[in-house]
Amino acid sequence: IVTKWDGARVFYECRADPAIFTSSETEGAIIKCINGAGFTVRKSCFDIFNGGGFTHFISIAESHVIVGTWPEDKWVEIDIVSCNYTQDNSEKAYELERLLKELFLPERIERDERSRGPARDF
């Protein structure tokens, strides 16, 4: 097990209701997914842009999650970064991906995962 796990996801051709890209209610839905995956939310910053789309930065006890949207392309980029200093959080990250997939309903997903830092035994 490594100290830090980074996972970037890009969701393409999202079939969710287009309002999800411009609604402040989406902040609560994303936080619900993060909590549902077992992460601990510390702070949230949700910024909606004129013309649609948002960036959502969520500080979690285990590190952070960033969700950015491009509604004109039905595209969502998600960065999940979790520290594995005291326990392996990678399964939580995979569960968060699954929950966000249910929220945005992508046709296609691109993944980039990286493990960094010294190995740890738990």
Protein backbone atom coordinates (compact mmCIF):
# COMPACT_ATOMS: atom_id res chain seq x y z
CA ILE A 1 0.00 0.00 0.00
CA VAL A 2 1.38 3.40 -0.91
CA THR A 3 1.09 6.66 0.98
CA LYS A 4 -1.03 8.53 -1.58
CA TRP A 5 -3.47 7.43 -4.28
CA ASP A 6 -4.41 9.82 -7.10
CA GLY A 7 -7.16 9.08 -9.54
CA ALA A 8 -8.37 11.32 -12.33
CA ARG A 9 -11.59 10.48 -14.13
CA VAL A 10 -13.13 12.10 -17.16
CA PHE A 11 -16.78 11.31 -17.80
CA TYR A 12 -17.85 11.84 -21.43
CA GLU A 13 -21.32 12.12 -23.01
CA CYS A 14 -23.09 12.44 -19.67
CA ARG A 15 -26.79 11.59 -19.96
CA ALA A 16 -27.89 13.16 -16.67
CA ASP A 17 -30.47 15.95 -16.69
CA PRO A 18 -28.64 19.01 -18.12
CA ALA A 19 -29.70 21.01 -15.04
CA ILE A 20 -27.11 19.05 -13.04
CA PHE A 21 -24.40 21.18 -14.67
CA THR A 22 -25.86 24.49 -13.49
CA SER A 23 -27.72 23.76 -10.26
CA SER A 24 -26.39 24.62 -6.81
CA GLU A 25 -28.29 21.51 -5.63
CA THR A 26 -25.57 19.48 -7.32
CA GLU A 27 -23.19 20.47 -4.50
CA GLY A 28 -25.29 18.51 -2.01
CA ALA A 29 -25.56 15.54 -4.37
CA ILE A 30 -21.76 15.36 -4.75
CA ILE A 31 -21.22 15.66 -0.99
CA LYS A 32 -23.74 12.86 -0.49
CA CYS A 33 -21.68 10.68 -2.87
CA ILE A 34 -18.46 11.49 -1.00
CA ASN A 35 -20.02 10.66 2.36
CA GLY A 36 -21.61 7.54 0.89
CA ALA A 37 -18.19 6.32 -0.22
CA GLY A 38 -16.97 6.59 3.36
CA PHE A 39 -14.86 9.74 3.09
CA THR A 40 -15.15 12.54 5.66
CA VAL A 41 -16.02 15.98 4.20
CA ARG A 42 -14.29 18.90 5.91
CA LYS A 43 -15.08 21.90 3.64
CA SER A 44 -16.74 22.54 0.31
CA CYS A 45 -16.34 25.32 -2.25
CA PHE A 46 -18.87 25.24 -5.11
CA ASP A 47 -18.50 27.85 -7.87
CA ILE A 48 -21.03 28.10 -10.73
CA PHE A 49 -19.85 29.94 -13.85
CA ASN A 50 -21.92 32.34 -15.95
CA GLY A 51 -23.26 30.39 -18.91
CA GLY A 52 -23.15 27.08 -17.07
CA GLY A 53 -20.71 24.67 -15.57
CA PHE A 54 -19.08 24.61 -12.16
CA THR A 55 -15.96 23.77 -10.23
CA HIS A 56 -16.43 22.02 -6.89
CA PHE A 57 -13.49 21.60 -4.52
CA ILE A 58 -14.10 19.39 -1.50
CA SER A 59 -11.57 19.09 1.30
CA ILE A 60 -11.88 15.66 2.88
CA ALA A 61 -10.08 14.34 5.97
CA GLU A 62 -8.31 11.89 3.64
CA SER A 63 -7.18 14.67 1.18
CA HIS A 64 -9.44 16.20 -1.52
CA VAL A 65 -11.86 15.77 -4.41
CA ILE A 66 -12.32 18.19 -7.34
CA VAL A 67 -15.24 18.06 -9.79
CA GLY A 68 -15.30 20.33 -12.85
CA THR A 69 -17.96 20.37 -15.56
CA TRP A 70 -18.27 21.46 -19.18
CA PRO A 71 -22.02 21.34 -19.91
CA GLU A 72 -21.62 22.35 -23.55
CA ASP A 73 -19.76 19.07 -24.10
CA LYS A 74 -21.60 16.97 -21.45
CA TRP A 75 -18.21 16.38 -19.88
CA VAL A 76 -17.14 16.04 -16.21
CA GLU A 77 -13.60 15.86 -14.87
CA ILE A 78 -13.07 14.38 -11.41
CA ASP A 79 -9.88 14.24 -9.36
CA ILE A 80 -9.91 11.98 -6.31
CA VAL A 81 -6.82 12.20 -4.11
CA SER A 82 -6.67 10.14 -0.93
CA CYS A 83 -3.88 9.76 1.58
CA ASN A 84 -3.25 6.23 2.73
CA TYR A 85 -1.08 7.20 5.68
CA THR A 86 -2.99 5.28 8.36
CA GLN A 87 -5.26 3.09 6.23
CA ASP A 88 -5.85 2.09 2.62
CA ASN A 89 -8.54 4.38 1.19
CA SER A 90 -8.39 3.17 -2.41
CA GLU A 91 -11.64 1.17 -2.13
CA LYS A 92 -13.40 4.34 -0.96
CA ALA A 93 -12.10 6.09 -4.08
CA TYR A 94 -13.49 3.35 -6.33
CA GLU A 95 -16.83 3.54 -4.52
CA LEU A 96 -16.88 7.32 -5.00
CA GLU A 97 -16.30 6.83 -8.72
CA ARG A 98 -19.24 4.41 -8.83
CA LEU A 99 -21.55 6.83 -7.01
CA LEU A 100 -20.55 9.79 -9.19
CA LYS A 101 -21.09 7.62 -12.26
CA GLU A 102 -24.68 7.05 -11.09
CA LEU A 103 -25.08 10.83 -10.67
CA PHE A 104 -23.70 11.95 -14.06
CA LEU A 105 -24.49 8.86 -16.19
CA PRO A 106 -21.48 8.95 -18.55
CA GLU A 107 -21.36 6.94 -21.77
CA ARG A 108 -17.58 6.66 -21.56
CA ILE A 109 -14.94 7.04 -18.80
CA GLU A 110 -11.23 7.78 -19.12
CA ARG A 111 -9.06 6.91 -16.09
CA ASP A 112 -5.59 7.91 -14.94
CA GLU A 113 -4.53 6.40 -11.62
CA ARG A 114 -1.24 6.89 -9.81
CA SER A 115 0.17 5.71 -6.53
CA ARG A 116 2.84 7.84 -4.90
CA GLY A 117 4.99 7.78 -1.81
CA PRO A 118 6.62 5.05 0.26
CA ALA A 119 4.90 1.72 0.74
CA ARG A 120 3.09 1.11 4.04
CA ASP A 121 1.77 -2.02 5.70
CA PHE A 122 -1.55 -1.69 7.54
